[in-house]
Amino acid sequence: MAQYARIFAALDGASTQEAVAERAIALAADNGASLLFGHVVDSAPVEPDGLDYEALCSEGVARIEAALVDLLRCARKNDAIPSVEVRVAAGRAAETLSGQLIDPFSPDLVVCGERGLSNIKYAFVGSVSTYLIRRLRCDVLVVKQG
């Protein structure tokens, strides 16, 4: 019996993004799980009126598809993985990731990358991975940097 039926992979464009995708794909294949890759375009620094968030999100999906083209192609061809999707939302990173992408998908496992923040910056802003570990009621796997 599979342990995980729905796996969410949080992508941040950082150096661990490919490792997060690889780990999520391997786990999805091993468990026969549906796989959703999600990314948040952080709108906090640029919240002026009139910004086309839909276009921004479409561009984000295209960037992820291009950056992970080989991995996504392999995952989509893998018969053990029922579905592979990429979604992008705009908003404040942790809250949008959780509320708009993860919660509606109802995953059994969330895979995310470690964020390389300095101790001082971490004390002030925290990290998305810490937020997810504390908030979510499913397993969270944090992929460490190289």
N, C-alpha and C. Protein backbone atom coordinates (compact mmCIF):
# COMPACT_ATOMS: atom_id res chain seq x y z
N MET A 1 0.84 -1.18 0.00
CA MET A 1 0.00 0.00 0.00
C MET A 1 0.88 1.25 0.00
N ALA A 2 0.56 2.21 -0.85
CA ALA A 2 1.34 3.44 -0.96
C ALA A 2 1.14 4.31 0.28
N GLN A 3 2.21 4.94 0.69
CA GLN A 3 2.13 5.83 1.85
C GLN A 3 1.60 7.20 1.46
N TYR A 4 1.96 7.67 0.25
CA TYR A 4 1.56 8.99 -0.20
C TYR A 4 0.78 8.89 -1.50
N ALA A 5 -0.38 9.53 -1.57
CA ALA A 5 -1.20 9.53 -2.78
C ALA A 5 -1.11 10.85 -3.54
N ARG A 6 -0.78 11.94 -2.80
CA ARG A 6 -0.71 13.28 -3.39
C ARG A 6 0.52 13.98 -2.83
N ILE A 7 1.43 14.36 -3.72
CA ILE A 7 2.68 15.01 -3.30
C ILE A 7 2.74 16.40 -3.92
N PHE A 8 3.03 17.39 -3.08
CA PHE A 8 3.21 18.77 -3.52
C PHE A 8 4.69 19.11 -3.41
N ALA A 9 5.26 19.68 -4.46
CA ALA A 9 6.65 20.12 -4.44
C ALA A 9 6.70 21.63 -4.57
N ALA A 10 7.22 22.29 -3.54
CA ALA A 10 7.30 23.75 -3.51
C ALA A 10 8.62 24.18 -4.16
N LEU A 11 8.51 24.91 -5.26
CA LEU A 11 9.68 25.37 -5.99
C LEU A 11 9.90 26.86 -5.74
N ASP A 12 11.16 27.24 -5.50
CA ASP A 12 11.43 28.65 -5.22
C ASP A 12 12.43 29.27 -6.17
N GLY A 13 12.86 28.53 -7.17
CA GLY A 13 13.83 29.08 -8.13
C GLY A 13 15.25 29.11 -7.60
N ALA A 14 15.46 28.64 -6.38
CA ALA A 14 16.79 28.68 -5.78
C ALA A 14 17.60 27.46 -6.22
N SER A 15 18.78 27.35 -5.67
CA SER A 15 19.70 26.29 -6.07
C SER A 15 19.19 24.90 -5.74
N THR A 16 18.25 24.77 -4.82
CA THR A 16 17.73 23.44 -4.47
C THR A 16 16.52 23.03 -5.32
N GLN A 17 16.06 23.91 -6.21
CA GLN A 17 14.84 23.63 -6.96
C GLN A 17 14.91 22.30 -7.72
N GLU A 18 16.00 22.05 -8.41
CA GLU A 18 16.13 20.81 -9.17
C GLU A 18 16.17 19.60 -8.24
N ALA A 19 16.85 19.73 -7.11
CA ALA A 19 16.91 18.62 -6.15
C ALA A 19 15.53 18.35 -5.55
N VAL A 20 14.76 19.39 -5.29
CA VAL A 20 13.39 19.24 -4.78
C VAL A 20 12.55 18.51 -5.83
N ALA A 21 12.66 18.93 -7.09
CA ALA A 21 11.88 18.29 -8.15
C ALA A 21 12.27 16.82 -8.30
N GLU A 22 13.56 16.53 -8.30
CA GLU A 22 14.02 15.14 -8.42
C GLU A 22 13.48 14.28 -7.29
N ARG A 23 13.57 14.78 -6.05
CA ARG A 23 13.10 14.02 -4.90
C ARG A 23 11.59 13.80 -4.96
N ALA A 24 10.85 14.83 -5.34
CA ALA A 24 9.40 14.71 -5.42
C ALA A 24 8.99 13.71 -6.51
N ILE A 25 9.66 13.74 -7.64
CA ILE A 25 9.35 12.81 -8.73
C ILE A 25 9.64 11.37 -8.30
N ALA A 26 10.77 11.15 -7.65
CA ALA A 26 11.13 9.80 -7.19
C ALA A 26 10.09 9.30 -6.18
N LEU A 27 9.68 10.14 -5.26
CA LEU A 27 8.69 9.74 -4.26
C LEU A 27 7.33 9.48 -4.90
N ALA A 28 6.96 10.31 -5.87
CA ALA A 28 5.68 10.11 -6.56
C ALA A 28 5.69 8.78 -7.32
N ALA A 29 6.79 8.47 -7.97
CA ALA A 29 6.90 7.21 -8.71
C ALA A 29 6.86 6.01 -7.76
N ASP A 30 7.57 6.12 -6.66
CA ASP A 30 7.61 5.02 -5.68
C ASP A 30 6.25 4.77 -5.03
N ASN A 31 5.43 5.82 -4.92
CA ASN A 31 4.15 5.72 -4.22
C ASN A 31 2.94 5.72 -5.15
N GLY A 32 3.15 5.87 -6.45
CA GLY A 32 2.03 5.98 -7.38
C GLY A 32 1.20 7.21 -7.09
N ALA A 33 1.86 8.30 -6.73
CA ALA A 33 1.18 9.52 -6.27
C ALA A 33 1.04 10.56 -7.37
N SER A 34 -0.04 11.31 -7.30
CA SER A 34 -0.20 12.50 -8.14
C SER A 34 0.78 13.55 -7.64
N LEU A 35 1.27 14.38 -8.57
CA LEU A 35 2.33 15.32 -8.24
C LEU A 35 1.96 16.71 -8.72
N LEU A 36 2.05 17.68 -7.81
CA LEU A 36 1.81 19.08 -8.15
C LEU A 36 3.04 19.88 -7.76
N PHE A 37 3.60 20.59 -8.74
CA PHE A 37 4.69 21.52 -8.48
C PHE A 37 4.07 22.90 -8.35
N GLY A 38 4.44 23.63 -7.31
CA GLY A 38 3.89 24.96 -7.10
C GLY A 38 4.97 25.98 -6.81
N HIS A 39 4.72 27.19 -7.25
CA HIS A 39 5.65 28.30 -7.04
C HIS A 39 4.84 29.56 -6.78
N VAL A 40 5.37 30.43 -5.93
CA VAL A 40 4.72 31.71 -5.66
C VAL A 40 5.61 32.83 -6.14
N VAL A 41 5.03 33.70 -6.97
CA VAL A 41 5.68 34.93 -7.36
C VAL A 41 5.40 35.90 -6.22
N ASP A 42 6.43 36.27 -5.49
CA ASP A 42 6.25 37.12 -4.31
C ASP A 42 5.87 38.52 -4.76
N SER A 43 4.63 38.90 -4.48
CA SER A 43 4.13 40.21 -4.91
C SER A 43 4.35 41.30 -3.87
N ALA A 44 4.87 40.95 -2.70
CA ALA A 44 5.04 41.94 -1.64
C ALA A 44 5.89 43.14 -2.07
N PRO A 45 7.02 42.93 -2.76
CA PRO A 45 7.81 44.10 -3.14
C PRO A 45 7.19 44.93 -4.26
N VAL A 46 6.26 44.35 -5.03
CA VAL A 46 5.68 45.06 -6.17
C VAL A 46 4.16 44.95 -6.16
N GLU A 47 3.51 45.62 -5.22
CA GLU A 47 2.05 45.52 -5.12
C GLU A 47 1.33 46.76 -5.65
N PRO A 48 1.80 47.36 -6.74
CA PRO A 48 1.07 48.51 -7.27
C PRO A 48 -0.19 48.05 -7.99
N ASP A 49 -1.16 48.96 -8.09
CA ASP A 49 -2.38 48.65 -8.85
C ASP A 49 -2.03 48.48 -10.32
N GLY A 50 -2.81 47.66 -11.00
CA GLY A 50 -2.64 47.52 -12.43
C GLY A 50 -1.65 46.45 -12.86
N LEU A 51 -0.96 45.82 -11.93
CA LEU A 51 -0.02 44.76 -12.29
C LEU A 51 -0.81 43.54 -12.73
N ASP A 52 -0.46 42.97 -13.85
CA ASP A 52 -1.19 41.82 -14.41
C ASP A 52 -0.66 40.54 -13.78
N TYR A 53 -1.28 40.13 -12.66
CA TYR A 53 -0.83 38.95 -11.93
C TYR A 53 -1.06 37.67 -12.72
N GLU A 54 -2.12 37.65 -13.53
CA GLU A 54 -2.38 36.45 -14.33
C GLU A 54 -1.24 36.23 -15.33
N ALA A 55 -0.80 37.29 -15.98
CA ALA A 55 0.32 37.18 -16.92
C ALA A 55 1.60 36.80 -16.19
N LEU A 56 1.79 37.40 -15.02
CA LEU A 56 2.97 37.09 -14.20
C LEU A 56 3.00 35.61 -13.83
N CYS A 57 1.86 35.06 -13.48
CA CYS A 57 1.78 33.64 -13.12
C CYS A 57 1.99 32.75 -14.34
N SER A 58 1.43 33.13 -15.48
CA SER A 58 1.64 32.36 -16.72
C SER A 58 3.11 32.33 -17.08
N GLU A 59 3.78 33.48 -16.95
CA GLU A 59 5.22 33.54 -17.21
C GLU A 59 5.98 32.65 -16.23
N GLY A 60 5.52 32.61 -14.99
CA GLY A 60 6.16 31.77 -13.98
C GLY A 60 6.06 30.30 -14.32
N VAL A 61 4.89 29.86 -14.79
CA VAL A 61 4.72 28.47 -15.22
C VAL A 61 5.67 28.17 -16.38
N ALA A 62 5.75 29.07 -17.34
CA ALA A 62 6.63 28.87 -18.50
C ALA A 62 8.09 28.77 -18.07
N ARG A 63 8.51 29.59 -17.11
CA ARG A 63 9.90 29.55 -16.62
C ARG A 63 10.19 28.21 -15.94
N ILE A 64 9.27 27.73 -15.11
CA ILE A 64 9.48 26.45 -14.43
C ILE A 64 9.50 25.32 -15.44
N GLU A 65 8.56 25.33 -16.38
CA GLU A 65 8.52 24.29 -17.42
C GLU A 65 9.84 24.27 -18.20
N ALA A 66 10.40 25.44 -18.49
CA ALA A 66 11.66 25.52 -19.23
C ALA A 66 12.85 25.07 -18.38
N ALA A 67 12.87 25.48 -17.12
CA ALA A 67 14.00 25.15 -16.24
C ALA A 67 14.04 23.67 -15.90
N LEU A 68 12.89 23.03 -15.84
CA LEU A 68 12.82 21.62 -15.44
C LEU A 68 12.29 20.74 -16.57
N VAL A 69 12.52 21.15 -17.81
CA VAL A 69 11.91 20.49 -18.97
C VAL A 69 12.18 18.98 -18.99
N ASP A 70 13.41 18.56 -18.78
CA ASP A 70 13.73 17.13 -18.85
C ASP A 70 13.10 16.35 -17.69
N LEU A 71 13.17 16.91 -16.50
CA LEU A 71 12.58 16.24 -15.33
C LEU A 71 11.06 16.11 -15.49
N LEU A 72 10.42 17.18 -15.92
CA LEU A 72 8.96 17.15 -16.09
C LEU A 72 8.56 16.18 -17.20
N ARG A 73 9.32 16.14 -18.27
CA ARG A 73 9.02 15.21 -19.36
C ARG A 73 9.08 13.77 -18.86
N CYS A 74 10.13 13.45 -18.12
CA CYS A 74 10.27 12.09 -17.57
C CYS A 74 9.14 11.76 -16.60
N ALA A 75 8.80 12.71 -15.76
CA ALA A 75 7.72 12.47 -14.79
C ALA A 75 6.39 12.24 -15.50
N ARG A 76 6.12 13.03 -16.53
CA ARG A 76 4.85 12.89 -17.26
C ARG A 76 4.78 11.60 -18.06
N LYS A 77 5.92 11.05 -18.43
CA LYS A 77 5.95 9.78 -19.17
C LYS A 77 5.93 8.58 -18.24
N ASN A 78 6.13 8.81 -16.95
CA ASN A 78 6.21 7.71 -15.98
C ASN A 78 4.79 7.22 -15.66
N ASP A 79 4.51 5.98 -16.04
CA ASP A 79 3.17 5.42 -15.81
C ASP A 79 2.81 5.28 -14.34
N ALA A 80 3.81 5.28 -13.45
CA ALA A 80 3.54 5.16 -12.02
C ALA A 80 3.02 6.46 -11.41
N ILE A 81 3.16 7.57 -12.14
CA ILE A 81 2.71 8.88 -11.64
C ILE A 81 1.44 9.25 -12.39
N PRO A 82 0.28 9.23 -11.71
CA PRO A 82 -1.01 9.48 -12.39
C PRO A 82 -1.14 10.86 -13.03
N SER A 83 -0.58 11.90 -12.39
CA SER A 83 -0.68 13.25 -12.96
C SER A 83 0.47 14.11 -12.47
N VAL A 84 0.88 15.03 -13.34
CA VAL A 84 1.96 15.98 -13.02
C VAL A 84 1.49 17.35 -13.49
N GLU A 85 1.40 18.29 -12.56
CA GLU A 85 0.96 19.65 -12.89
C GLU A 85 1.94 20.67 -12.34
N VAL A 86 1.94 21.85 -12.95
CA VAL A 86 2.72 22.99 -12.46
C VAL A 86 1.74 24.15 -12.31
N ARG A 87 1.72 24.76 -11.12
CA ARG A 87 0.87 25.93 -10.87
C ARG A 87 1.69 27.03 -10.23
N VAL A 88 1.35 28.26 -10.58
CA VAL A 88 2.01 29.43 -10.00
C VAL A 88 0.94 30.39 -9.53
N ALA A 89 1.14 30.96 -8.35
CA ALA A 89 0.24 31.97 -7.80
C ALA A 89 1.08 33.18 -7.40
N ALA A 90 0.43 34.32 -7.26
CA ALA A 90 1.13 35.54 -6.84
C ALA A 90 0.60 35.96 -5.48
N GLY A 91 1.51 36.40 -4.63
CA GLY A 91 1.13 36.86 -3.30
C GLY A 91 2.32 36.80 -2.36
N ARG A 92 2.04 36.89 -1.09
CA ARG A 92 3.10 36.75 -0.09
C ARG A 92 3.46 35.28 -0.01
N ALA A 93 4.74 34.98 -0.07
CA ALA A 93 5.23 33.63 -0.33
C ALA A 93 4.60 32.54 0.54
N ALA A 94 4.80 32.57 1.82
CA ALA A 94 4.37 31.46 2.68
C ALA A 94 2.85 31.32 2.71
N GLU A 95 2.14 32.43 2.90
CA GLU A 95 0.69 32.38 3.01
C GLU A 95 0.03 31.96 1.71
N THR A 96 0.52 32.47 0.59
CA THR A 96 -0.04 32.13 -0.71
C THR A 96 0.26 30.67 -1.06
N LEU A 97 1.48 30.25 -0.81
CA LEU A 97 1.86 28.86 -1.07
C LEU A 97 0.93 27.91 -0.33
N SER A 98 0.73 28.19 0.95
CA SER A 98 -0.10 27.35 1.77
C SER A 98 -1.58 27.45 1.40
N GLY A 99 -2.11 28.67 1.38
CA GLY A 99 -3.54 28.87 1.20
C GLY A 99 -4.07 28.66 -0.21
N GLN A 100 -3.29 29.02 -1.23
CA GLN A 100 -3.80 28.94 -2.60
C GLN A 100 -3.31 27.72 -3.37
N LEU A 101 -2.18 27.16 -2.97
CA LEU A 101 -1.63 26.04 -3.74
C LEU A 101 -1.67 24.72 -2.97
N ILE A 102 -1.18 24.71 -1.75
CA ILE A 102 -1.08 23.45 -1.00
C ILE A 102 -2.45 23.01 -0.46
N ASP A 103 -3.13 23.87 0.29
CA ASP A 103 -4.40 23.48 0.92
C ASP A 103 -5.43 22.93 -0.06
N PRO A 104 -5.66 23.58 -1.22
CA PRO A 104 -6.65 23.03 -2.15
C PRO A 104 -6.26 21.66 -2.73
N PHE A 105 -4.97 21.38 -2.81
CA PHE A 105 -4.48 20.10 -3.35
C PHE A 105 -4.59 18.97 -2.32
N SER A 106 -4.59 19.30 -1.04
CA SER A 106 -4.67 18.34 0.06
C SER A 106 -3.62 17.22 -0.04
N PRO A 107 -2.35 17.59 -0.04
CA PRO A 107 -1.31 16.57 -0.19
C PRO A 107 -1.09 15.77 1.09
N ASP A 108 -0.50 14.59 0.90
CA ASP A 108 -0.06 13.76 2.03
C ASP A 108 1.38 14.11 2.39
N LEU A 109 2.10 14.71 1.43
CA LEU A 109 3.50 15.06 1.60
C LEU A 109 3.80 16.34 0.84
N VAL A 110 4.56 17.23 1.48
CA VAL A 110 5.06 18.43 0.83
C VAL A 110 6.58 18.35 0.83
N VAL A 111 7.18 18.55 -0.34
CA VAL A 111 8.63 18.55 -0.47
C VAL A 111 9.04 19.99 -0.78
N CYS A 112 9.98 20.52 0.00
CA CYS A 112 10.44 21.89 -0.22
C CYS A 112 11.95 21.96 0.00
N GLY A 113 12.53 23.06 -0.41
CA GLY A 113 13.96 23.25 -0.25
C GLY A 113 14.28 24.06 0.98
N GLU A 114 15.49 23.86 1.44
CA GLU A 114 16.01 24.64 2.55
C GLU A 114 16.35 26.02 2.02
N ARG A 115 16.11 27.00 2.81
CA ARG A 115 16.44 28.37 2.39
C ARG A 115 17.74 28.77 3.06
N GLY A 116 18.66 29.30 2.31
CA GLY A 116 19.97 29.67 2.85
C GLY A 116 20.02 31.09 3.40
N LEU A 117 19.28 31.35 4.43
CA LEU A 117 19.27 32.68 5.03
C LEU A 117 20.32 32.79 6.12
N SER A 118 20.85 33.99 6.29
CA SER A 118 21.76 34.22 7.41
C SER A 118 20.95 34.16 8.70
N ASN A 119 21.62 33.95 9.83
CA ASN A 119 20.92 33.88 11.11
C ASN A 119 20.14 35.15 11.42
N ILE A 120 20.71 36.30 11.08
CA ILE A 120 20.03 37.57 11.37
C ILE A 120 18.79 37.71 10.49
N LYS A 121 18.93 37.45 9.19
CA LYS A 121 17.78 37.57 8.29
C LYS A 121 16.71 36.56 8.68
N TYR A 122 17.10 35.34 9.02
CA TYR A 122 16.14 34.31 9.42
C TYR A 122 15.36 34.75 10.65
N ALA A 123 16.03 35.39 11.61
CA ALA A 123 15.37 35.84 12.84
C ALA A 123 14.26 36.84 12.53
N PHE A 124 14.44 37.65 11.47
CA PHE A 124 13.43 38.65 11.14
C PHE A 124 12.35 38.14 10.19
N VAL A 125 12.70 37.34 9.20
CA VAL A 125 11.71 36.95 8.20
C VAL A 125 11.33 35.48 8.26
N GLY A 126 12.07 34.66 8.98
CA GLY A 126 11.76 33.24 9.04
C GLY A 126 12.04 32.58 7.71
N SER A 127 11.50 31.42 7.51
CA SER A 127 11.66 30.75 6.23
C SER A 127 10.35 30.06 5.86
N VAL A 128 10.17 29.85 4.58
CA VAL A 128 8.97 29.18 4.10
C VAL A 128 8.93 27.75 4.62
N SER A 129 10.07 27.06 4.60
CA SER A 129 10.08 25.67 5.06
C SER A 129 9.67 25.58 6.53
N THR A 130 10.14 26.48 7.36
CA THR A 130 9.75 26.48 8.78
C THR A 130 8.26 26.76 8.92
N TYR A 131 7.75 27.70 8.15
CA TYR A 131 6.32 28.01 8.17
C TYR A 131 5.50 26.77 7.81
N LEU A 132 5.92 26.06 6.76
CA LEU A 132 5.17 24.88 6.33
C LEU A 132 5.23 23.77 7.36
N ILE A 133 6.38 23.55 7.94
CA ILE A 133 6.53 22.50 8.96
C ILE A 133 5.59 22.79 10.14
N ARG A 134 5.51 24.03 10.54
CA ARG A 134 4.68 24.39 11.70
C ARG A 134 3.19 24.41 11.38
N ARG A 135 2.82 24.79 10.16
CA ARG A 135 1.42 25.00 9.82
C ARG A 135 0.71 23.77 9.25
N LEU A 136 1.38 23.02 8.41
CA LEU A 136 0.72 21.92 7.70
C LEU A 136 0.49 20.72 8.59
N ARG A 137 -0.54 19.95 8.26
CA ARG A 137 -0.88 18.75 9.01
C ARG A 137 -0.52 17.48 8.24
N CYS A 138 0.40 17.62 7.29
CA CYS A 138 0.89 16.47 6.55
C CYS A 138 2.42 16.43 6.71
N ASP A 139 3.04 15.38 6.22
CA ASP A 139 4.50 15.28 6.28
C ASP A 139 5.12 16.36 5.41
N VAL A 140 6.25 16.91 5.87
CA VAL A 140 7.01 17.90 5.11
C VAL A 140 8.45 17.41 5.04
N LEU A 141 8.96 17.29 3.84
CA LEU A 141 10.35 16.89 3.62
C LEU A 141 11.12 18.09 3.14
N VAL A 142 12.16 18.48 3.88
CA VAL A 142 13.00 19.61 3.51
C VAL A 142 14.27 19.08 2.89
N VAL A 143 14.50 19.43 1.63
CA VAL A 143 15.69 19.01 0.90
C VAL A 143 16.81 20.01 1.21
N LYS A 144 17.89 19.51 1.78
CA LYS A 144 19.00 20.37 2.18
C LYS A 144 19.84 20.77 0.97
N GLN A 145 20.51 21.91 1.06
CA GLN A 145 21.40 22.36 0.00
C GLN A 145 22.64 21.49 -0.03
N GLY A 146 23.11 21.21 -1.27
CA GLY A 146 24.27 20.40 -1.57
C GLY A 146 25.19 20.17 -0.47
